[in-house]
Amino acid sequence: MNLLKYQALFIITSFVLSACTNMKEDIDYTRFNTIPSYLDYLESSEYYPGFAFATVNSDGEKYSYYSGKASIGEGTEVNGATSYYAFSMTKIFTSLAILQLCDRNQLSLEDPAALYLPDLPYAVTIRQILSHTSGIPDPLWGSYFIHFPEEHARLDRKAFLKEVVSKHNKLEFEPGTDVKYTNLGYAILGRIIEEVSGRSYEQYIKENIFNALGISDDEAGFNPLSIENLAQPYIHKSLISRLMIKIFMKKNTFTREENWVATRKEYYFDFPAHGGLIISPDQMGKFLAAIVRQDPVLLKTETWDKWFTQEGSSGFSLGWRITGTENDPVFYHSGGAVGVANQIRIYKNRREAVMFFSNTLDSKREDSIDMEILSALFEGGDLNE
């Protein structure tokens, strides 16, 4: 099946899946006036096998709530050390790494990406890729997405990236004139990090972000076989859910566990820079606290300001999506797909952050309902338990 057919089928199945998984009872959400009351409701509703919510200030974790099972079959409870696939939240680590290299005068945001990857067919700058204004296409579905441990040793990531960009060598618009989210763009940034630093992407993140913040290898990294307490991904028991996963994750397996279906737990991203991170709430809390306090161990003061400045009218900064108001902007990024629905948010002016992790495919609720409600309650004032 060619890529166009994959994409068309993905759109159809996503639409049907969304319709199936959102036939919930009508809820008067205005009745929830505190974060704990809403989290209690989520726990009782069983919309998620397990989830974690936490708020963070510059000193670290401020409030946390853990619910449900990391693994139903094993009876493992969710806690702060439960690790989840971050998926696209990985892009925040990638954008930070690029900015660190700028701080060290090893590259410039205005540099053409092809300066570091001569075979690249796109005339775009690093800044444009970071802000999703490059026009680079986004074909990373189907066979351009993940692979399983038995395939890992055979993957030549450099050669595979060349193959992908050669097949998709046309920009979708003139750089800087429009906005389109692109996973492939961040896969390219990962290769630039490798070329400039002389380290693998995974090594660079470990040495320059994890080690700087004391982030534990047991709960954060890119190798699912070395991560402790990895949450079991689940999908809805409906047939359409399994159909979609079979299309996009060949060689997957399915095991019924109560009202959920477990998929294969260990897999790698073909290009880790756009989504391959695995991390626990405890370790993400260290990262978010460093962002909130704008820790100089990560970036220079002026570079922190750059990271949190909108690029034109794109709705993106150099990596973050932006919502909120002009006087109270919120910088955020979601991450989700097979068995994952996550989000992190930075309240820059309040110097606080929130995070939400869950181990189910049903990310529609998290993105459109649950995280919005939790954020609205958080923005309304202090936690009232």
Protein backbone atom coordinates (compact mmCIF):
# COMPACT_ATOMS: atom_id res chain seq x y z
CA MET A 1 0.00 0.00 0.00
CA ASN A 2 1.52 3.36 -0.96
CA LEU A 3 1.87 6.31 1.40
CA LEU A 4 -1.08 8.25 -0.08
CA LYS A 5 -3.37 5.32 0.65
CA TYR A 6 -1.95 5.04 4.17
CA GLN A 7 -2.69 8.71 4.80
CA ALA A 8 -6.20 8.52 3.38
CA LEU A 9 -7.00 5.44 5.44
CA PHE A 10 -5.54 7.09 8.53
CA ILE A 11 -7.86 10.08 8.12
CA ILE A 12 -10.88 7.83 7.70
CA THR A 13 -10.07 5.54 10.62
CA SER A 14 -9.19 8.47 12.86
CA PHE A 15 -12.55 10.07 12.12
CA VAL A 16 -14.43 6.88 12.87
CA LEU A 17 -12.34 6.20 15.98
CA SER A 18 -12.99 9.70 17.24
CA ALA A 19 -16.71 9.23 16.77
CA CYS A 20 -16.63 5.85 18.55
CA THR A 21 -14.55 6.88 21.53
CA ASN A 22 -16.35 10.15 22.25
CA MET A 23 -19.83 8.78 22.72
CA LYS A 24 -19.66 9.57 26.43
CA GLU A 25 -22.46 10.64 28.73
CA ASP A 26 -23.21 14.37 28.85
CA ILE A 27 -21.36 15.97 31.75
CA ASP A 28 -21.95 19.37 33.33
CA TYR A 29 -18.28 20.32 33.58
CA THR A 30 -19.08 23.58 35.37
CA ARG A 31 -19.73 21.59 38.53
CA PHE A 32 -16.00 21.02 38.97
CA ASN A 33 -14.42 23.96 40.76
CA THR A 34 -11.13 22.40 41.85
CA ILE A 35 -8.51 20.26 40.17
CA PRO A 36 -8.80 17.45 42.76
CA SER A 37 -12.58 17.23 42.24
CA TYR A 38 -12.13 16.86 38.50
CA LEU A 39 -9.33 14.32 38.86
CA ASP A 40 -11.52 12.32 41.24
CA TYR A 41 -14.19 12.32 38.54
CA LEU A 42 -11.71 11.11 35.92
CA GLU A 43 -10.59 8.32 38.23
CA SER A 44 -14.16 7.15 38.83
CA SER A 45 -15.08 7.42 35.14
CA GLU A 46 -12.45 4.88 34.04
CA TYR A 47 -11.79 6.81 30.83
CA TYR A 48 -8.11 5.95 31.25
CA PRO A 49 -6.41 2.73 32.39
CA GLY A 50 -4.06 5.03 34.28
CA PHE A 51 -3.04 8.68 34.32
CA ALA A 52 -0.80 11.16 36.09
CA PHE A 53 -1.27 14.89 36.62
CA ALA A 54 1.20 17.23 38.32
CA THR A 55 1.92 20.91 38.71
CA VAL A 56 5.46 22.25 38.96
CA ASN A 57 7.09 25.47 40.09
CA SER A 58 10.72 26.53 40.02
CA ASP A 59 11.51 24.35 43.03
CA GLY A 60 10.00 21.22 41.54
CA GLU A 61 6.74 19.30 41.92
CA LYS A 62 4.02 21.24 43.71
CA TYR A 63 0.97 18.98 43.44
CA SER A 64 0.51 15.50 42.00
CA TYR A 65 -2.30 13.03 41.42
CA TYR A 66 -1.76 9.46 40.22
CA SER A 67 -4.58 7.14 39.25
CA GLY A 68 -5.16 3.65 37.91
CA LYS A 69 -2.87 1.05 36.47
CA ALA A 70 0.39 1.32 34.58
CA SER A 71 -0.26 -2.34 33.70
CA ILE A 72 -3.65 -3.94 34.25
CA GLY A 73 -2.32 -7.44 33.62
CA GLU A 74 0.51 -7.07 36.15
CA GLY A 75 -1.56 -5.01 38.59
CA THR A 76 1.05 -2.21 38.61
CA GLU A 77 -0.17 1.12 39.98
CA VAL A 78 0.66 4.44 38.33
CA ASN A 79 3.08 6.58 40.32
CA GLY A 80 5.61 9.32 39.74
CA ALA A 81 8.22 6.83 38.51
CA THR A 82 5.93 5.34 35.83
CA SER A 83 7.47 6.13 32.45
CA TYR A 84 5.50 6.95 29.31
CA TYR A 85 6.31 7.42 25.66
CA ALA A 86 6.47 11.21 25.26
CA PHE A 87 5.84 11.12 21.51
CA SER A 88 5.84 14.69 20.15
CA MET A 89 6.72 16.27 23.49
CA THR A 90 10.20 15.06 22.50
CA LYS A 91 10.32 18.03 20.11
CA ILE A 92 10.78 20.34 23.09
CA PHE A 93 14.01 18.55 23.98
CA THR A 94 15.10 18.74 20.34
CA SER A 95 14.43 22.47 20.09
CA LEU A 96 16.29 23.03 23.36
CA ALA A 97 19.28 21.10 22.01
CA ILE A 98 19.36 23.28 18.87
CA LEU A 99 19.28 26.43 21.00
CA GLN A 100 22.11 25.11 23.17
CA LEU A 101 24.24 24.68 20.04
CA CYS A 102 23.37 28.27 19.11
CA ASP A 103 24.51 29.44 22.55
CA ARG A 104 27.83 27.70 21.89
CA ASN A 105 28.18 29.36 18.49
CA GLN A 106 28.16 25.98 16.78
CA LEU A 107 25.29 26.93 14.50
CA SER A 108 22.91 29.82 13.78
CA LEU A 109 19.14 29.77 13.52
CA GLU A 110 19.49 31.51 10.16
CA ASP A 111 21.76 28.81 8.76
CA PRO A 112 20.35 26.77 5.87
CA ALA A 113 19.67 23.25 7.06
CA ALA A 114 21.51 21.99 3.99
CA LEU A 115 24.70 23.57 5.33
CA TYR A 116 24.88 20.60 7.72
CA LEU A 117 23.09 18.02 5.57
CA PRO A 118 24.28 18.65 1.98
CA ASP A 119 21.93 16.03 0.49
CA LEU A 120 18.88 17.83 1.88
CA PRO A 121 16.61 18.95 -1.00
CA TYR A 122 14.96 21.78 0.95
CA ALA A 123 16.11 25.42 0.92
CA VAL A 124 15.00 26.19 4.47
CA THR A 125 16.59 27.61 7.61
CA ILE A 126 16.88 26.00 11.00
CA ARG A 127 14.60 28.69 12.43
CA GLN A 128 11.89 27.84 9.90
CA ILE A 129 12.04 24.15 10.78
CA LEU A 130 11.84 24.87 14.52
CA SER A 131 8.73 27.05 14.07
CA HIS A 132 6.99 24.74 11.54
CA THR A 133 7.11 27.44 8.87
CA SER A 134 9.50 25.59 6.54
CA GLY A 135 7.01 23.89 4.23
CA ILE A 136 8.72 20.52 4.73
CA PRO A 137 6.12 17.76 4.20
CA ASP A 138 5.02 15.40 6.96
CA PRO A 139 5.01 11.81 5.65
CA LEU A 140 5.97 10.11 8.90
CA TRP A 141 3.17 7.59 9.14
CA GLY A 142 2.97 3.93 8.34
CA SER A 143 6.42 2.54 7.62
CA TYR A 144 8.11 5.88 8.50
CA PHE A 145 7.15 5.78 12.15
CA ILE A 146 8.37 3.09 14.54
CA HIS A 147 10.08 -0.29 14.62
CA PHE A 148 10.31 -3.11 17.14
CA PRO A 149 13.39 -4.35 19.05
CA GLU A 150 14.04 -7.26 16.67
CA GLU A 151 14.39 -4.72 13.84
CA HIS A 152 16.50 -2.15 15.69
CA ALA A 153 19.99 -3.42 14.81
CA ARG A 154 19.15 -3.41 11.11
CA LEU A 155 18.02 0.23 10.91
CA ASP A 156 20.45 2.62 9.21
CA ARG A 157 18.93 5.87 10.39
CA LYS A 158 21.06 8.17 8.24
CA ALA A 159 20.37 6.21 5.07
CA PHE A 160 16.68 5.93 5.91
CA LEU A 161 16.32 9.68 6.39
CA LYS A 162 17.97 10.26 3.00
CA GLU A 163 15.50 7.83 1.48
CA VAL A 164 12.51 9.57 3.07
CA VAL A 165 13.49 13.10 2.01
CA SER A 166 14.36 11.94 -1.51
CA LYS A 167 10.87 10.50 -1.89
CA HIS A 168 9.30 13.65 -0.46
CA ASN A 169 11.62 16.29 -1.88
CA LYS A 170 9.14 19.09 -2.59
CA LEU A 171 8.22 21.80 -0.12
CA GLU A 172 4.51 22.32 0.41
CA PHE A 173 4.78 26.12 0.43
CA GLU A 174 7.41 28.81 0.20
CA PRO A 175 9.31 28.86 3.51
CA GLY A 176 8.09 31.52 5.91
CA THR A 177 4.74 32.08 4.17
CA ASP A 178 2.59 29.52 5.99
CA VAL A 179 2.53 27.08 8.90
CA LYS A 180 2.34 23.29 8.86
CA TYR A 181 3.36 20.96 11.65
CA THR A 182 6.05 18.56 10.46
CA ASN A 183 7.56 15.55 12.17
CA LEU A 184 10.02 15.13 9.31
CA GLY A 185 11.38 18.61 10.00
CA TYR A 186 12.29 17.60 13.54
CA ALA A 187 13.81 14.33 12.31
CA ILE A 188 16.08 16.56 10.20
CA LEU A 189 16.91 18.70 13.24
CA GLY A 190 17.94 15.54 15.06
CA ARG A 191 20.44 14.76 12.30
CA ILE A 192 21.76 18.34 12.42
CA ILE A 193 22.34 17.94 16.17
CA GLU A 194 24.34 14.81 15.43
CA GLU A 195 26.41 16.41 12.68
CA VAL A 196 27.23 19.53 14.71
CA SER A 197 27.88 17.86 18.07
CA GLY A 198 29.57 14.70 16.83
CA ARG A 199 27.32 12.67 19.15
CA SER A 200 24.25 10.59 18.47
CA TYR A 201 21.00 12.43 19.16
CA GLU A 202 20.35 10.21 22.19
CA GLN A 203 23.84 10.78 23.58
CA TYR A 204 23.57 14.53 23.14
CA ILE A 205 20.27 14.74 25.06
CA LYS A 206 21.64 12.57 27.86
CA GLU A 207 24.90 14.49 28.23
CA ASN A 208 23.57 18.04 27.83
CA ILE A 209 20.07 17.91 29.32
CA PHE A 210 19.57 14.78 31.43
CA ASN A 211 22.96 14.91 33.16
CA ALA A 212 22.70 18.67 33.71
CA LEU A 213 19.41 18.25 35.58
CA GLY A 214 20.02 14.94 37.33
CA ILE A 215 17.40 13.15 35.23
CA SER A 216 17.54 9.41 35.91
CA ASP A 217 18.43 6.93 33.16
CA ASP A 218 16.03 4.45 34.75
CA GLU A 219 13.04 6.69 34.07
CA ALA A 220 14.06 8.64 30.97
CA GLY A 221 15.73 7.78 27.69
CA PHE A 222 15.15 6.40 24.22
CA ASN A 223 15.67 2.67 24.70
CA PRO A 224 12.46 0.99 25.92
CA LEU A 225 14.40 -2.09 27.00
CA SER A 226 16.39 -0.09 29.58
CA ILE A 227 13.53 1.93 31.09
CA GLU A 228 12.06 0.72 34.36
CA ASN A 229 8.32 0.93 35.07
CA LEU A 230 7.33 1.57 31.46
CA ALA A 231 3.55 2.02 31.26
CA GLN A 232 1.69 -0.54 29.18
CA PRO A 233 0.03 1.19 26.19
CA TYR A 234 -3.67 0.41 25.77
CA ILE A 235 -6.24 0.98 23.08
CA HIS A 236 -9.99 0.84 23.20
CA LYS A 237 -11.44 -2.63 22.89
CA SER A 238 -13.45 -1.65 19.80
CA LEU A 239 -12.61 -3.33 16.50
CA ILE A 240 -11.89 -0.02 14.73
CA SER A 241 -9.12 0.77 17.23
CA ARG A 242 -7.35 -2.50 16.54
CA LEU A 243 -7.80 -2.03 12.79
CA MET A 244 -6.03 1.31 12.86
CA ILE A 245 -3.10 -0.04 14.87
CA LYS A 246 -2.74 -3.03 12.56
CA ILE A 247 -2.42 -0.63 9.63
CA PHE A 248 0.22 1.58 11.22
CA MET A 249 2.12 -0.81 13.48
CA LYS A 250 2.86 -4.02 11.65
CA LYS A 251 3.96 -6.98 13.78
CA ASN A 252 1.94 -5.69 16.69
CA THR A 253 0.16 -7.98 19.12
CA PHE A 254 -3.07 -7.52 21.06
CA THR A 255 -3.98 -8.89 24.47
CA ARG A 256 -7.32 -8.24 26.15
CA GLU A 257 -6.99 -6.94 29.72
CA GLU A 258 -10.37 -6.21 31.30
CA ASN A 259 -11.98 -3.43 29.24
CA TRP A 260 -8.76 -2.56 27.39
CA VAL A 261 -6.50 -4.10 24.75
CA ALA A 262 -2.75 -4.07 25.39
CA THR A 263 -0.41 -3.56 22.43
CA ARG A 264 3.32 -4.31 22.25
CA LYS A 265 5.03 -2.20 24.90
CA GLU A 266 8.58 -1.89 23.58
CA TYR A 267 9.33 -0.07 20.32
CA TYR A 268 11.70 2.55 18.94
CA PHE A 269 11.11 5.60 16.80
CA ASP A 270 12.81 5.48 13.42
CA PHE A 271 13.79 9.13 14.02
CA PRO A 272 13.84 9.74 17.79
CA ALA A 273 14.15 13.55 17.60
CA HIS A 274 10.51 14.00 16.69
CA GLY A 275 8.95 11.61 19.20
CA GLY A 276 11.18 8.90 20.67
CA LEU A 277 11.63 10.04 24.27
CA ILE A 278 10.36 7.93 27.18
CA ILE A 279 10.06 9.75 30.51
CA SER A 280 8.31 9.62 33.89
CA PRO A 281 6.40 12.46 35.59
CA ASP A 282 9.11 12.67 38.26
CA GLN A 283 11.84 13.24 35.68
CA MET A 284 9.69 15.50 33.50
CA GLY A 285 9.10 17.54 36.65
CA LYS A 286 12.84 18.21 36.91
CA PHE A 287 12.87 19.36 33.30
CA LEU A 288 9.81 21.61 33.65
CA ALA A 289 11.14 23.14 36.89
CA ALA A 290 14.37 24.05 35.07
CA ILE A 291 12.32 25.68 32.31
CA VAL A 292 10.15 27.61 34.76
CA ARG A 293 13.19 29.01 36.57
CA GLN A 294 15.04 29.50 33.26
CA ASP A 295 18.01 27.61 34.57
CA PRO A 296 21.30 28.97 33.14
CA VAL A 297 22.71 25.44 33.13
CA LEU A 298 20.57 24.88 30.02
CA LEU A 299 20.44 28.21 28.16
CA LYS A 300 21.64 31.80 28.31
CA THR A 301 19.14 34.39 29.55
CA GLU A 302 18.61 35.94 26.12
CA THR A 303 18.11 32.52 24.57
CA TRP A 304 15.37 31.66 27.06
CA ASP A 305 13.57 34.77 25.81
CA LYS A 306 13.96 33.61 22.20
CA TRP A 307 12.51 30.21 23.02
CA PHE A 308 9.37 31.82 24.39
CA THR A 309 8.75 34.38 21.64
CA GLN A 310 6.17 33.73 18.94
CA GLU A 311 7.53 33.50 15.40
CA GLY A 312 5.44 36.02 13.49
CA SER A 313 1.78 34.97 13.50
CA SER A 314 2.57 31.25 13.31
CA GLY A 315 1.14 30.25 16.68
CA PHE A 316 4.51 28.66 17.41
CA SER A 317 7.67 29.81 19.10
CA LEU A 318 10.91 27.98 18.36
CA GLY A 319 9.32 24.66 19.29
CA TRP A 320 6.33 25.48 21.51
CA ARG A 321 2.69 25.87 20.52
CA ILE A 322 1.15 29.01 22.01
CA THR A 323 -2.29 29.66 23.49
CA GLY A 324 -3.63 31.92 26.24
CA THR A 325 -3.61 35.71 25.90
CA GLU A 326 -1.02 38.31 24.96
CA ASN A 327 -0.61 39.24 28.62
CA ASP A 328 -0.74 35.67 29.89
CA PRO A 329 0.60 33.34 27.18
CA VAL A 330 0.69 29.58 27.68
CA PHE A 331 3.37 27.55 25.91
CA TYR A 332 2.53 23.90 25.45
CA HIS A 333 3.13 20.71 23.53
CA SER A 334 1.13 17.51 23.29
CA GLY A 335 2.37 14.04 22.52
CA GLY A 336 0.23 11.08 21.67
CA ALA A 337 -0.65 8.22 19.37
CA VAL A 338 -0.64 4.48 20.09
CA GLY A 339 -1.49 4.05 23.75
CA VAL A 340 -0.41 7.54 24.79
CA ALA A 341 -2.05 10.93 25.44
CA ASN A 342 0.22 13.51 27.09
CA GLN A 343 0.64 17.24 27.41
CA ILE A 344 2.95 19.75 29.11
CA ARG A 345 2.14 23.43 29.60
CA ILE A 346 4.34 26.33 30.69
CA TYR A 347 2.73 29.38 32.31
CA LYS A 348 5.65 31.69 31.70
CA ASN A 349 4.39 34.73 33.59
CA ARG A 350 3.28 32.63 36.57
CA ARG A 351 6.50 30.61 36.55
CA GLU A 352 4.55 27.37 36.83
CA ALA A 353 3.91 24.33 34.66
CA VAL A 354 1.49 21.42 34.45
CA MET A 355 1.75 17.95 32.95
CA PHE A 356 -0.65 15.15 32.10
CA PHE A 357 0.31 11.58 31.13
CA SER A 358 -1.96 8.68 30.25
CA ASN A 359 -1.57 5.23 28.71
CA THR A 360 -4.43 5.04 26.24
CA LEU A 361 -5.00 5.87 22.61
CA ASP A 362 -8.08 7.90 23.48
CA SER A 363 -6.17 11.20 23.31
CA LYS A 364 -9.26 13.04 22.03
CA ARG A 365 -10.54 13.44 25.59
CA GLU A 366 -7.22 14.67 26.92
CA ASP A 367 -6.64 17.21 24.17
CA SER A 368 -10.14 18.62 23.77
CA ILE A 369 -11.68 18.11 27.19
CA ASP A 370 -9.61 16.93 30.11
CA MET A 371 -6.45 19.00 29.75
CA GLU A 372 -8.46 22.09 28.84
CA ILE A 373 -10.59 21.74 31.97
CA LEU A 374 -7.60 21.02 34.19
CA SER A 375 -5.79 24.01 32.72
CA ALA A 376 -8.81 26.28 33.21
CA LEU A 377 -9.05 25.20 36.85
CA PHE A 378 -5.32 25.71 37.28
CA GLU A 379 -5.46 29.15 35.70
CA GLY A 380 -8.35 30.10 37.98
CA GLY A 381 -6.23 30.17 41.10
CA ASP A 382 -4.59 28.00 43.72
CA LEU A 383 -5.45 24.33 44.21
CA ASN A 384 -8.33 23.87 46.63
CA GLU A 385 -8.32 20.37 48.05
